[in-house]
Amino acid sequence: MTSPATAPIGQDRRRFGTGVALMLTASLAWGLVGPLAKTLYEVGWTPAAVIVLRTGGAALILLIPALLSLRGRWRSLIANWPIVLAYGLIAVAACQSVMFMALERLAVGTTMLIMYTAPVFIVLALWVINRRRPATTVLIGSALTLAGLPLALNLTDFGRIDPVGIVLAIGAMVALAGYFLVSERPTPGLPQVVLICAGLIIGGLTVGLMALTGLLPWSIGFSTVTVAGITGVPWYVPAAVLVVFATVGAYLLSLRGITLVGARAAAFLALCDVIASLGFAWLLLGETPAPIQGAGGVLILAGILLVQWRRTQAPPPIVEREPA
């Protein structure tokens, strides 16, 4: 029989273990986004169409739990409208638009590795703005990441470099940095599931309007697709997985996982998203990186790990926030 003194420790370990399992499952879900999007591209879908499908479908599924979580407290939603609007425009519309357009031109692994250098970009941008030198650990991590980028892009093979795709991936990195900064802002009284649902609606409507006005190309296709070498797969199979598991499931698993492991551990576990993307790109699309790209990816991940480790050492500000 467990003594009262040791019971809380055992419970904390179980909670942490459960949280890690949820975060890793969420990483698998996030990792499917790029490969599934590229699968739909092959049968005529444009990035704008995939974004509207993903955000619209996920918003419809999350609408009921969001309303139940809000419980009629519309004032909290109205009071936090600047953050909700920024979340929808930056985290959903901007981030997804440039990311999905980059995926049209670059391999999934290359796009994700560039995009997830966002923490390093934040560090360097704050260094320039505040004129305060970061810690040595952060500088080492930033240097490793910057050294790994040319290798991950395989700059030795000039004929296969897509400059537009690289620019779009860098734009996705900047948008992801903006997403991180927006997500750190407190939203008193507003459950996280409401913020996500509202952001998906705003982002999806924004991208849809841009497509209607001709700013973004729009087309969809309904023929069968090839997934992991299996031909004749109906298009709605990857579309359903993209909406249900890679979006709704990813968000809900992440939310619950973060509450169990804490923000610090979650920052490290989020790096598994990149590894999952690389794995699914190889499994579903046959995208195998060259050895030099693999070495660059290792340097980038090591650098981001150092930067994230240092950023999580400082105690975060205490913010009263209602759990989702």
C-alpha atoms as a PDB file:
ATOM      1  CA  MET A   1       0.000   0.000   0.000  1.00  0.00           C
ATOM      2  CA  THR A   2       1.331   3.428  -0.967  1.00  0.00           C
ATOM      3  CA  SER A   3       1.918   5.754   1.926  1.00  0.00           C
ATOM      4  CA  PRO A   4       0.266   9.167   1.922  1.00  0.00           C
ATOM      5  CA  ALA A   5       3.677  10.822   1.643  1.00  0.00           C
ATOM      6  CA  THR A   6       4.588   9.030  -1.577  1.00  0.00           C
ATOM      7  CA  ALA A   7       1.159   9.034  -3.214  1.00  0.00           C
ATOM      8  CA  PRO A   8       1.312  12.616  -4.535  1.00  0.00           C
ATOM      9  CA  ILE A   9       4.740  11.904  -6.094  1.00  0.00           C
ATOM     10  CA  GLY A  10       3.360   8.843  -7.861  1.00  0.00           C
ATOM     11  CA  GLN A  11       0.359  10.801  -9.049  1.00  0.00           C
ATOM     12  CA  ASP A  12       2.581  13.589 -10.400  1.00  0.00           C
ATOM     13  CA  ARG A  13       4.693  11.056 -12.287  1.00  0.00           C
ATOM     14  CA  ARG A  14       1.609   9.470 -13.807  1.00  0.00           C
ATOM     15  CA  ARG A  15       0.263  12.882 -14.809  1.00  0.00           C
ATOM     16  CA  PHE A  16       3.592  13.816 -16.380  1.00  0.00           C
ATOM     17  CA  GLY A  17       3.818  10.469 -18.176  1.00  0.00           C
ATOM     18  CA  THR A  18       0.294  10.871 -19.507  1.00  0.00           C
ATOM     19  CA  GLY A  19       1.102  14.400 -20.622  1.00  0.00           C
ATOM     20  CA  VAL A  20       4.229  13.261 -22.478  1.00  0.00           C
ATOM     21  CA  ALA A  21       2.228  10.542 -24.233  1.00  0.00           C
ATOM     22  CA  LEU A  22      -0.396  13.094 -25.277  1.00  0.00           C
ATOM     23  CA  MET A  23       2.240  15.548 -26.536  1.00  0.00           C
ATOM     24  CA  LEU A  24       4.010  12.854 -28.553  1.00  0.00           C
ATOM     25  CA  THR A  25       0.704  11.767 -30.080  1.00  0.00           C
ATOM     26  CA  ALA A  26       0.005  15.404 -30.917  1.00  0.00           C
ATOM     27  CA  SER A  27       3.420  15.575 -32.623  1.00  0.00           C
ATOM     28  CA  LEU A  28       2.426  12.628 -34.792  1.00  0.00           C
ATOM     29  CA  ALA A  29      -0.745  14.510 -35.708  1.00  0.00           C
ATOM     30  CA  TRP A  30       1.124  17.745 -36.522  1.00  0.00           C
ATOM     31  CA  GLY A  31       3.652  15.758 -38.521  1.00  0.00           C
ATOM     32  CA  LEU A  32       0.936  14.557 -40.905  1.00  0.00           C
ATOM     33  CA  VAL A  33      -0.116  18.062 -41.987  1.00  0.00           C
ATOM     34  CA  GLY A  34       2.556  18.655 -44.636  1.00  0.00           C
ATOM     35  CA  PRO A  35       2.508  15.189 -46.241  1.00  0.00           C
ATOM     36  CA  LEU A  36      -1.303  15.103 -46.390  1.00  0.00           C
ATOM     37  CA  ALA A  37      -1.429  18.578 -47.931  1.00  0.00           C
ATOM     38  CA  LYS A  38       1.062  17.562 -50.622  1.00  0.00           C
ATOM     39  CA  THR A  39      -1.024  14.466 -51.328  1.00  0.00           C
ATOM     40  CA  LEU A  40      -4.010  16.701 -52.115  1.00  0.00           C
ATOM     41  CA  TYR A  41      -1.827  19.021 -54.221  1.00  0.00           C
ATOM     42  CA  GLU A  42      -1.128  16.117 -56.564  1.00  0.00           C
ATOM     43  CA  VAL A  43      -4.813  15.865 -57.528  1.00  0.00           C
ATOM     44  CA  GLY A  44      -5.374  19.574 -58.145  1.00  0.00           C
ATOM     45  CA  TRP A  45      -5.892  21.177 -54.750  1.00  0.00           C
ATOM     46  CA  THR A  46      -4.304  24.581 -54.209  1.00  0.00           C
ATOM     47  CA  PRO A  47      -2.911  25.730 -50.832  1.00  0.00           C
ATOM     48  CA  ALA A  48      -5.867  28.089 -50.289  1.00  0.00           C
ATOM     49  CA  ALA A  49      -8.354  25.259 -50.854  1.00  0.00           C
ATOM     50  CA  VAL A  50      -6.510  22.973 -48.427  1.00  0.00           C
ATOM     51  CA  ILE A  51      -6.399  25.723 -45.781  1.00  0.00           C
ATOM     52  CA  VAL A  52     -10.132  26.436 -46.054  1.00  0.00           C
ATOM     53  CA  LEU A  53     -10.870  22.701 -45.891  1.00  0.00           C
ATOM     54  CA  ARG A  54      -8.668  22.260 -42.845  1.00  0.00           C
ATOM     55  CA  THR A  55      -9.737  25.338 -40.896  1.00  0.00           C
ATOM     56  CA  GLY A  56     -13.414  25.172 -41.837  1.00  0.00           C
ATOM     57  CA  GLY A  57     -13.776  21.487 -41.042  1.00  0.00           C
ATOM     58  CA  ALA A  58     -11.889  21.789 -37.758  1.00  0.00           C
ATOM     59  CA  ALA A  59     -13.872  24.878 -36.710  1.00  0.00           C
ATOM     60  CA  LEU A  60     -17.162  23.048 -37.268  1.00  0.00           C
ATOM     61  CA  ILE A  61     -16.014  20.139 -35.099  1.00  0.00           C
ATOM     62  CA  LEU A  62     -14.676  22.421 -32.350  1.00  0.00           C
ATOM     63  CA  LEU A  63     -17.660  24.780 -32.381  1.00  0.00           C
ATOM     64  CA  ILE A  64     -19.805  22.745 -29.960  1.00  0.00           C
ATOM     65  CA  PRO A  65     -17.063  22.179 -27.329  1.00  0.00           C
ATOM     66  CA  ALA A  66     -16.082  25.831 -27.696  1.00  0.00           C
ATOM     67  CA  LEU A  67     -19.622  27.028 -27.019  1.00  0.00           C
ATOM     68  CA  LEU A  68     -19.971  24.642 -24.084  1.00  0.00           C
ATOM     69  CA  SER A  69     -16.673  25.861 -22.664  1.00  0.00           C
ATOM     70  CA  LEU A  70     -17.680  29.507 -23.121  1.00  0.00           C
ATOM     71  CA  ARG A  71     -21.017  28.914 -21.348  1.00  0.00           C
ATOM     72  CA  GLY A  72     -22.506  32.150 -22.591  1.00  0.00           C
ATOM     73  CA  ARG A  73     -19.656  34.329 -21.326  1.00  0.00           C
ATOM     74  CA  TRP A  74     -19.497  36.348 -24.527  1.00  0.00           C
ATOM     75  CA  ARG A  75     -17.981  39.311 -22.713  1.00  0.00           C
ATOM     76  CA  SER A  76     -14.717  37.416 -22.277  1.00  0.00           C
ATOM     77  CA  LEU A  77     -14.583  36.804 -26.020  1.00  0.00           C
ATOM     78  CA  ILE A  78     -15.323  40.459 -26.769  1.00  0.00           C
ATOM     79  CA  ALA A  79     -12.810  41.674 -24.161  1.00  0.00           C
ATOM     80  CA  ASN A  80     -10.046  39.589 -25.761  1.00  0.00           C
ATOM     81  CA  TRP A  81     -10.908  40.425 -29.372  1.00  0.00           C
ATOM     82  CA  PRO A  82      -7.460  41.909 -30.227  1.00  0.00           C
ATOM     83  CA  ILE A  83      -5.691  38.650 -29.303  1.00  0.00           C
ATOM     84  CA  VAL A  84      -8.381  36.544 -30.999  1.00  0.00           C
ATOM     85  CA  LEU A  85      -8.080  38.619 -34.183  1.00  0.00           C
ATOM     86  CA  ALA A  86      -4.279  38.489 -34.117  1.00  0.00           C
ATOM     87  CA  TYR A  87      -4.388  34.744 -33.545  1.00  0.00           C
ATOM     88  CA  GLY A  88      -6.684  34.218 -36.516  1.00  0.00           C
ATOM     89  CA  LEU A  89      -4.755  36.481 -38.874  1.00  0.00           C
ATOM     90  CA  ILE A  90      -1.205  35.539 -37.838  1.00  0.00           C
ATOM     91  CA  ALA A  91      -1.319  32.004 -36.449  1.00  0.00           C
ATOM     92  CA  VAL A  92      -3.881  30.670 -38.909  1.00  0.00           C
ATOM     93  CA  ALA A  93      -4.162  32.801 -42.060  1.00  0.00           C
ATOM     94  CA  ALA A  94      -0.598  34.079 -42.460  1.00  0.00           C
ATOM     95  CA  CYS A  95       1.286  31.111 -41.024  1.00  0.00           C
ATOM     96  CA  GLN A  96      -0.671  28.463 -42.895  1.00  0.00           C
ATOM     97  CA  SER A  97      -0.791  30.389 -46.179  1.00  0.00           C
ATOM     98  CA  VAL A  98       2.960  30.775 -46.563  1.00  0.00           C
ATOM     99  CA  MET A  99       3.659  27.313 -45.128  1.00  0.00           C
ATOM    100  CA  PHE A 100       1.315  25.536 -47.529  1.00  0.00           C
ATOM    101  CA  MET A 101       2.613  27.574 -50.465  1.00  0.00           C
ATOM    102  CA  ALA A 102       6.176  26.656 -49.484  1.00  0.00           C
ATOM    103  CA  LEU A 103       5.172  22.988 -49.400  1.00  0.00           C
ATOM    104  CA  GLU A 104       4.198  23.296 -53.069  1.00  0.00           C
ATOM    105  CA  ARG A 105       7.826  24.025 -53.958  1.00  0.00           C
ATOM    106  CA  LEU A 106       9.972  22.418 -51.257  1.00  0.00           C
ATOM    107  CA  ALA A 107      10.213  19.062 -49.577  1.00  0.00           C
ATOM    108  CA  VAL A 108       8.276  18.726 -46.326  1.00  0.00           C
ATOM    109  CA  GLY A 109      11.436  18.303 -44.251  1.00  0.00           C
ATOM    110  CA  THR A 110      13.114  21.390 -45.718  1.00  0.00           C
ATOM    111  CA  THR A 111      10.015  23.521 -45.137  1.00  0.00           C
ATOM    112  CA  MET A 112       9.567  22.362 -41.546  1.00  0.00           C
ATOM    113  CA  LEU A 113      13.242  22.775 -40.625  1.00  0.00           C
ATOM    114  CA  ILE A 114      13.276  26.366 -41.897  1.00  0.00           C
ATOM    115  CA  MET A 115       9.928  27.148 -40.301  1.00  0.00           C
ATOM    116  CA  TYR A 116      10.856  25.796 -36.879  1.00  0.00           C
ATOM    117  CA  THR A 117      13.901  28.064 -36.612  1.00  0.00           C
ATOM    118  CA  ALA A 118      11.359  30.623 -35.349  1.00  0.00           C
ATOM    119  CA  PRO A 119      12.694  30.553 -31.739  1.00  0.00           C
ATOM    120  CA  VAL A 120      16.149  31.520 -33.035  1.00  0.00           C
ATOM    121  CA  PHE A 121      14.613  34.329 -35.087  1.00  0.00           C
ATOM    122  CA  ILE A 122      12.829  35.633 -31.990  1.00  0.00           C
ATOM    123  CA  VAL A 123      16.078  35.612 -30.006  1.00  0.00           C
ATOM    124  CA  LEU A 124      18.026  37.486 -32.685  1.00  0.00           C
ATOM    125  CA  ALA A 125      15.196  39.975 -33.291  1.00  0.00           C
ATOM    126  CA  LEU A 126      14.933  40.785 -29.575  1.00  0.00           C
ATOM    127  CA  TRP A 127      18.731  41.168 -29.445  1.00  0.00           C
ATOM    128  CA  VAL A 128      18.561  43.822 -32.171  1.00  0.00           C
ATOM    129  CA  ILE A 129      15.527  45.574 -30.690  1.00  0.00           C
ATOM    130  CA  ASN A 130      16.560  45.545 -27.009  1.00  0.00           C
ATOM    131  CA  ARG A 131      20.330  45.663 -27.625  1.00  0.00           C
ATOM    132  CA  ARG A 132      20.867  43.067 -24.915  1.00  0.00           C
ATOM    133  CA  ARG A 133      23.275  40.240 -25.645  1.00  0.00           C
ATOM    134  CA  PRO A 134      21.656  36.803 -25.234  1.00  0.00           C
ATOM    135  CA  ALA A 135      23.191  34.142 -23.011  1.00  0.00           C
ATOM    136  CA  THR A 136      26.139  32.180 -24.373  1.00  0.00           C
ATOM    137  CA  THR A 137      24.033  29.023 -24.606  1.00  0.00           C
ATOM    138  CA  VAL A 138      21.527  30.854 -26.782  1.00  0.00           C
ATOM    139  CA  LEU A 139      24.262  32.204 -29.040  1.00  0.00           C
ATOM    140  CA  ILE A 140      25.751  28.730 -29.456  1.00  0.00           C
ATOM    141  CA  GLY A 141      22.335  27.307 -30.283  1.00  0.00           C
ATOM    142  CA  SER A 142      21.684  30.091 -32.787  1.00  0.00           C
ATOM    143  CA  ALA A 143      25.064  29.494 -34.428  1.00  0.00           C
ATOM    144  CA  LEU A 144      24.377  25.763 -34.753  1.00  0.00           C
ATOM    145  CA  THR A 145      21.002  26.474 -36.341  1.00  0.00           C
ATOM    146  CA  LEU A 146      22.410  28.999 -38.812  1.00  0.00           C
ATOM    147  CA  ALA A 147      25.233  26.590 -39.686  1.00  0.00           C
ATOM    148  CA  GLY A 148      22.751  23.796 -40.289  1.00  0.00           C
ATOM    149  CA  LEU A 149      20.478  25.752 -42.637  1.00  0.00           C
ATOM    150  CA  PRO A 150      22.794  25.723 -45.703  1.00  0.00           C
ATOM    151  CA  LEU A 151      23.295  21.990 -45.229  1.00  0.00           C
ATOM    152  CA  ALA A 152      19.560  21.322 -44.875  1.00  0.00           C
ATOM    153  CA  LEU A 153      18.918  23.334 -48.040  1.00  0.00           C
ATOM    154  CA  ASN A 154      21.675  21.370 -49.818  1.00  0.00           C
ATOM    155  CA  LEU A 155      23.131  24.500 -51.394  1.00  0.00           C
ATOM    156  CA  THR A 156      25.717  22.348 -53.171  1.00  0.00           C
ATOM    157  CA  ASP A 157      22.978  21.273 -55.585  1.00  0.00           C
ATOM    158  CA  PHE A 158      22.158  24.657 -57.117  1.00  0.00           C
ATOM    159  CA  GLY A 159      19.976  23.189 -59.842  1.00  0.00           C
ATOM    160  CA  ARG A 160      17.373  21.947 -57.364  1.00  0.00           C
ATOM    161  CA  ILE A 161      17.126  25.066 -55.224  1.00  0.00           C
ATOM    162  CA  ASP A 162      13.799  26.898 -55.435  1.00  0.00           C
ATOM    163  CA  PRO A 163      14.405  30.506 -54.292  1.00  0.00           C
ATOM    164  CA  VAL A 164      10.686  31.290 -54.133  1.00  0.00           C
ATOM    165  CA  GLY A 165      10.059  28.250 -51.967  1.00  0.00           C
ATOM    166  CA  ILE A 166      12.882  29.245 -49.620  1.00  0.00           C
ATOM    167  CA  VAL A 167      11.477  32.780 -49.315  1.00  0.00           C
ATOM    168  CA  LEU A 168       8.025  31.359 -48.546  1.00  0.00           C
ATOM    169  CA  ALA A 169       9.476  29.017 -45.912  1.00  0.00           C
ATOM    170  CA  ILE A 170      11.271  31.966 -44.305  1.00  0.00           C
ATOM    171  CA  GLY A 171       7.961  33.830 -44.346  1.00  0.00           C
ATOM    172  CA  ALA A 172       6.376  30.858 -42.577  1.00  0.00           C
ATOM    173  CA  MET A 173       9.151  31.038 -39.978  1.00  0.00           C
ATOM    174  CA  VAL A 174       8.444  34.734 -39.344  1.00  0.00           C
ATOM    175  CA  ALA A 175       4.703  34.021 -39.108  1.00  0.00           C
ATOM    176  CA  LEU A 176       5.362  31.157 -36.676  1.00  0.00           C
ATOM    177  CA  ALA A 177       7.438  33.518 -34.536  1.00  0.00           C
ATOM    178  CA  GLY A 178       4.471  35.879 -34.513  1.00  0.00           C
ATOM    179  CA  TYR A 179       2.242  32.981 -33.493  1.00  0.00           C
ATOM    180  CA  PHE A 180       4.528  32.195 -30.538  1.00  0.00           C
ATOM    181  CA  LEU A 181       4.462  35.822 -29.415  1.00  0.00           C
ATOM    182  CA  VAL A 182       0.672  36.083 -29.757  1.00  0.00           C
ATOM    183  CA  SER A 183       0.144  32.794 -27.902  1.00  0.00           C
ATOM    184  CA  GLU A 184       2.148  34.071 -24.932  1.00  0.00           C
ATOM    185  CA  ARG A 185      -0.273  36.958 -24.413  1.00  0.00           C
ATOM    186  CA  PRO A 186      -2.780  36.305 -21.611  1.00  0.00           C
ATOM    187  CA  THR A 187      -6.471  35.981 -22.450  1.00  0.00           C
ATOM    188  CA  PRO A 188      -8.246  36.293 -19.056  1.00  0.00           C
ATOM    189  CA  GLY A 189     -11.452  34.297 -18.845  1.00  0.00           C
ATOM    190  CA  LEU A 190     -11.199  32.938 -22.383  1.00  0.00           C
ATOM    191  CA  PRO A 191     -10.799  29.131 -22.658  1.00  0.00           C
ATOM    192  CA  GLN A 192      -8.115  27.966 -25.058  1.00  0.00           C
ATOM    193  CA  VAL A 193     -10.547  25.902 -27.145  1.00  0.00           C
ATOM    194  CA  VAL A 194     -12.573  29.082 -27.786  1.00  0.00           C
ATOM    195  CA  LEU A 195      -9.459  30.949 -28.893  1.00  0.00           C
ATOM    196  CA  ILE A 196      -8.524  28.134 -31.279  1.00  0.00           C
ATOM    197  CA  CYS A 197     -12.025  27.793 -32.730  1.00  0.00           C
ATOM    198  CA  ALA A 198     -12.411  31.546 -33.236  1.00  0.00           C
ATOM    199  CA  GLY A 199      -8.922  31.755 -34.749  1.00  0.00           C
ATOM    200  CA  LEU A 200      -9.711  28.959 -37.205  1.00  0.00           C
ATOM    201  CA  ILE A 201     -12.915  30.711 -38.270  1.00  0.00           C
ATOM    202  CA  ILE A 202     -11.164  34.070 -38.757  1.00  0.00           C
ATOM    203  CA  GLY A 203      -8.191  32.526 -40.544  1.00  0.00           C
ATOM    204  CA  GLY A 204     -10.317  30.351 -42.796  1.00  0.00           C
ATOM    205  CA  LEU A 205     -12.587  33.258 -43.761  1.00  0.00           C
ATOM    206  CA  THR A 206      -9.567  35.448 -44.484  1.00  0.00           C
ATOM    207  CA  VAL A 207      -7.967  32.899 -46.796  1.00  0.00           C
ATOM    208  CA  GLY A 208     -11.336  32.182 -48.431  1.00  0.00           C
ATOM    209  CA  LEU A 209     -11.903  35.894 -49.158  1.00  0.00           C
ATOM    210  CA  MET A 210      -8.401  36.193 -50.612  1.00  0.00           C
ATOM    211  CA  ALA A 211      -9.196  33.290 -52.916  1.00  0.00           C
ATOM    212  CA  LEU A 212     -12.552  34.792 -53.939  1.00  0.00           C
ATOM    213  CA  THR A 213     -10.888  38.091 -54.859  1.00  0.00           C
ATOM    214  CA  GLY A 214      -8.219  36.334 -56.897  1.00  0.00           C
ATOM    215  CA  LEU A 215      -5.323  37.089 -54.570  1.00  0.00           C
ATOM    216  CA  LEU A 216      -4.783  33.369 -54.036  1.00  0.00           C
ATOM    217  CA  PRO A 217      -5.348  30.658 -56.657  1.00  0.00           C
ATOM    218  CA  TRP A 218      -8.202  28.257 -55.990  1.00  0.00           C
ATOM    219  CA  SER A 219      -8.901  24.784 -57.317  1.00  0.00           C
ATOM    220  CA  ILE A 220      -9.925  21.401 -55.929  1.00  0.00           C
ATOM    221  CA  GLY A 221      -9.827  17.877 -57.289  1.00  0.00           C
ATOM    222  CA  PHE A 222     -11.848  14.767 -56.558  1.00  0.00           C
ATOM    223  CA  SER A 223      -9.788  12.001 -58.145  1.00  0.00           C
ATOM    224  CA  THR A 224      -8.022   9.256 -56.235  1.00  0.00           C
ATOM    225  CA  VAL A 225      -4.615   9.807 -54.648  1.00  0.00           C
ATOM    226  CA  THR A 226      -1.532   7.732 -53.915  1.00  0.00           C
ATOM    227  CA  VAL A 227      -0.562   7.388 -50.255  1.00  0.00           C
ATOM    228  CA  ALA A 228       2.500   5.446 -49.103  1.00  0.00           C
ATOM    229  CA  GLY A 229       2.630   3.710 -52.473  1.00  0.00           C
ATOM    230  CA  ILE A 230      -1.043   2.681 -52.303  1.00  0.00           C
ATOM    231  CA  THR A 231      -2.930   3.860 -55.388  1.00  0.00           C
ATOM    232  CA  GLY A 232      -6.657   4.463 -55.773  1.00  0.00           C
ATOM    233  CA  VAL A 233      -7.169   6.007 -52.329  1.00  0.00           C
ATOM    234  CA  PRO A 234     -10.232   8.327 -52.356  1.00  0.00           C
ATOM    235  CA  TRP A 235      -9.275  11.996 -51.905  1.00  0.00           C
ATOM    236  CA  TYR A 236     -11.554  12.359 -48.894  1.00  0.00           C
ATOM    237  CA  VAL A 237      -9.502   9.859 -46.871  1.00  0.00           C
ATOM    238  CA  PRO A 238      -6.404  12.099 -46.507  1.00  0.00           C
ATOM    239  CA  ALA A 239      -8.732  15.118 -46.277  1.00  0.00           C
ATOM    240  CA  ALA A 240     -10.601  13.585 -43.325  1.00  0.00           C
ATOM    241  CA  VAL A 241      -7.368  12.617 -41.552  1.00  0.00           C
ATOM    242  CA  LEU A 242      -6.058  16.144 -42.120  1.00  0.00           C
ATOM    243  CA  VAL A 243      -9.130  17.738 -40.534  1.00  0.00           C
ATOM    244  CA  VAL A 244     -10.005  15.284 -37.769  1.00  0.00           C
ATOM    245  CA  PHE A 245      -6.654  13.973 -36.552  1.00  0.00           C
ATOM    246  CA  ALA A 246      -4.010  16.394 -37.858  1.00  0.00           C
ATOM    247  CA  THR A 247      -5.976  19.496 -36.821  1.00  0.00           C
ATOM    248  CA  VAL A 248      -8.707  18.874 -34.229  1.00  0.00           C
ATOM    249  CA  GLY A 249      -6.858  15.999 -32.586  1.00  0.00           C
ATOM    250  CA  ALA A 250      -3.542  17.825 -32.667  1.00  0.00           C
ATOM    251  CA  TYR A 251      -4.963  20.932 -30.982  1.00  0.00           C
ATOM    252  CA  LEU A 252      -6.911  19.068 -28.295  1.00  0.00           C
ATOM    253  CA  LEU A 253      -4.071  16.651 -27.501  1.00  0.00           C
ATOM    254  CA  SER A 254      -1.616  19.542 -27.261  1.00  0.00           C
ATOM    255  CA  LEU A 255      -3.890  21.550 -24.982  1.00  0.00           C
ATOM    256  CA  ARG A 256      -4.360  18.668 -22.564  1.00  0.00           C
ATOM    257  CA  GLY A 257      -0.711  17.652 -22.741  1.00  0.00           C
ATOM    258  CA  ILE A 258       0.530  21.152 -21.914  1.00  0.00           C
ATOM    259  CA  THR A 259      -1.663  21.305 -18.823  1.00  0.00           C
ATOM    260  CA  LEU A 260      -0.094  18.052 -17.582  1.00  0.00           C
ATOM    261  CA  VAL A 261       3.598  18.571 -18.394  1.00  0.00           C
ATOM    262  CA  GLY A 262       3.819  22.370 -18.189  1.00  0.00           C
ATOM    263  CA  ALA A 263       5.004  24.921 -20.723  1.00  0.00           C
ATOM    264  CA  ARG A 264       8.717  24.201 -20.221  1.00  0.00           C
ATOM    265  CA  ALA A 265       8.573  20.501 -21.056  1.00  0.00           C
ATOM    266  CA  ALA A 266       6.112  21.230 -23.866  1.00  0.00           C
ATOM    267  CA  ALA A 267       8.663  23.543 -25.531  1.00  0.00           C
ATOM    268  CA  PHE A 268      11.094  20.637 -25.867  1.00  0.00           C
ATOM    269  CA  LEU A 269       8.481  18.070 -26.868  1.00  0.00           C
ATOM    270  CA  ALA A 270       7.304  20.380 -29.658  1.00  0.00           C
ATOM    271  CA  LEU A 271      10.547  19.603 -31.515  1.00  0.00           C
ATOM    272  CA  CYS A 272       9.126  16.141 -32.131  1.00  0.00           C
ATOM    273  CA  ASP A 273       6.749  17.824 -34.610  1.00  0.00           C
ATOM    274  CA  VAL A 274       9.668  18.306 -37.006  1.00  0.00           C
ATOM    275  CA  ILE A 275      10.896  14.743 -36.578  1.00  0.00           C
ATOM    276  CA  ALA A 276       7.368  13.429 -37.179  1.00  0.00           C
ATOM    277  CA  SER A 277       7.081  15.565 -40.339  1.00  0.00           C
ATOM    278  CA  LEU A 278      10.346  14.135 -41.659  1.00  0.00           C
ATOM    279  CA  GLY A 279       9.230  10.590 -40.891  1.00  0.00           C
ATOM    280  CA  PHE A 280       5.800  10.892 -42.511  1.00  0.00           C
ATOM    281  CA  ALA A 281       7.273  12.669 -45.551  1.00  0.00           C
ATOM    282  CA  TRP A 282       9.524   9.649 -46.063  1.00  0.00           C
ATOM    283  CA  LEU A 283       6.779   7.113 -45.355  1.00  0.00           C
ATOM    284  CA  LEU A 284       3.899   8.693 -47.300  1.00  0.00           C
ATOM    285  CA  LEU A 285       5.685  10.653 -50.034  1.00  0.00           C
ATOM    286  CA  GLY A 286       9.011   8.889 -50.394  1.00  0.00           C
ATOM    287  CA  GLU A 287      10.917  12.107 -49.628  1.00  0.00           C
ATOM    288  CA  THR A 288      14.314  10.898 -48.447  1.00  0.00           C
ATOM    289  CA  PRO A 289      16.771  13.667 -47.497  1.00  0.00           C
ATOM    290  CA  ALA A 290      20.342  13.535 -48.760  1.00  0.00           C
ATOM    291  CA  PRO A 291      23.033  12.787 -46.131  1.00  0.00           C
ATOM    292  CA  ILE A 292      24.136  16.427 -46.119  1.00  0.00           C
ATOM    293  CA  GLN A 293      20.537  17.500 -45.455  1.00  0.00           C
ATOM    294  CA  GLY A 294      20.279  15.019 -42.603  1.00  0.00           C
ATOM    295  CA  ALA A 295      23.421  16.508 -41.033  1.00  0.00           C
ATOM    296  CA  GLY A 296      21.957  19.985 -41.404  1.00  0.00           C
ATOM    297  CA  GLY A 297      18.725  18.874 -39.778  1.00  0.00           C
ATOM    298  CA  VAL A 298      20.630  17.492 -36.787  1.00  0.00           C
ATOM    299  CA  LEU A 299      22.466  20.809 -36.353  1.00  0.00           C
ATOM    300  CA  ILE A 300      19.236  22.798 -36.629  1.00  0.00           C
ATOM    301  CA  LEU A 301      17.391  20.645 -34.093  1.00  0.00           C
ATOM    302  CA  ALA A 302      20.351  20.755 -31.699  1.00  0.00           C
ATOM    303  CA  GLY A 303      20.508  24.542 -31.991  1.00  0.00           C
ATOM    304  CA  ILE A 304      16.780  24.993 -31.421  1.00  0.00           C
ATOM    305  CA  LEU A 305      16.991  22.640 -28.437  1.00  0.00           C
ATOM    306  CA  LEU A 306      19.698  24.796 -26.846  1.00  0.00           C
ATOM    307  CA  VAL A 307      17.755  28.001 -27.478  1.00  0.00           C
ATOM    308  CA  GLN A 308      14.538  26.535 -26.082  1.00  0.00           C
ATOM    309  CA  TRP A 309      16.356  25.087 -23.079  1.00  0.00           C
ATOM    310  CA  ARG A 310      17.771  28.483 -22.181  1.00  0.00           C
ATOM    311  CA  ARG A 311      14.477  30.277 -22.751  1.00  0.00           C
ATOM    312  CA  THR A 312      12.693  27.922 -20.354  1.00  0.00           C
ATOM    313  CA  GLN A 313      15.226  28.449 -17.563  1.00  0.00           C
ATOM    314  CA  ALA A 314      13.878  31.873 -16.667  1.00  0.00           C
ATOM    315  CA  PRO A 315      10.712  31.552 -14.569  1.00  0.00           C
ATOM    316  CA  PRO A 316       7.692  32.571 -16.643  1.00  0.00           C
ATOM    317  CA  PRO A 317       5.535  35.454 -15.440  1.00  0.00           C
ATOM    318  CA  ILE A 318       2.619  34.420 -13.269  1.00  0.00           C
ATOM    319  CA  VAL A 319      -0.552  34.912 -15.278  1.00  0.00           C
ATOM    320  CA  GLU A 320      -3.979  33.983 -14.049  1.00  0.00           C
ATOM    321  CA  ARG A 321      -5.562  32.022 -16.839  1.00  0.00           C
ATOM    322  CA  GLU A 322      -8.671  29.895 -16.812  1.00  0.00           C
ATOM    323  CA  PRO A 323      -7.979  26.381 -18.074  1.00  0.00           C
ATOM    324  CA  ALA A 324      -9.704  25.310 -21.285  1.00  0.00           C
END
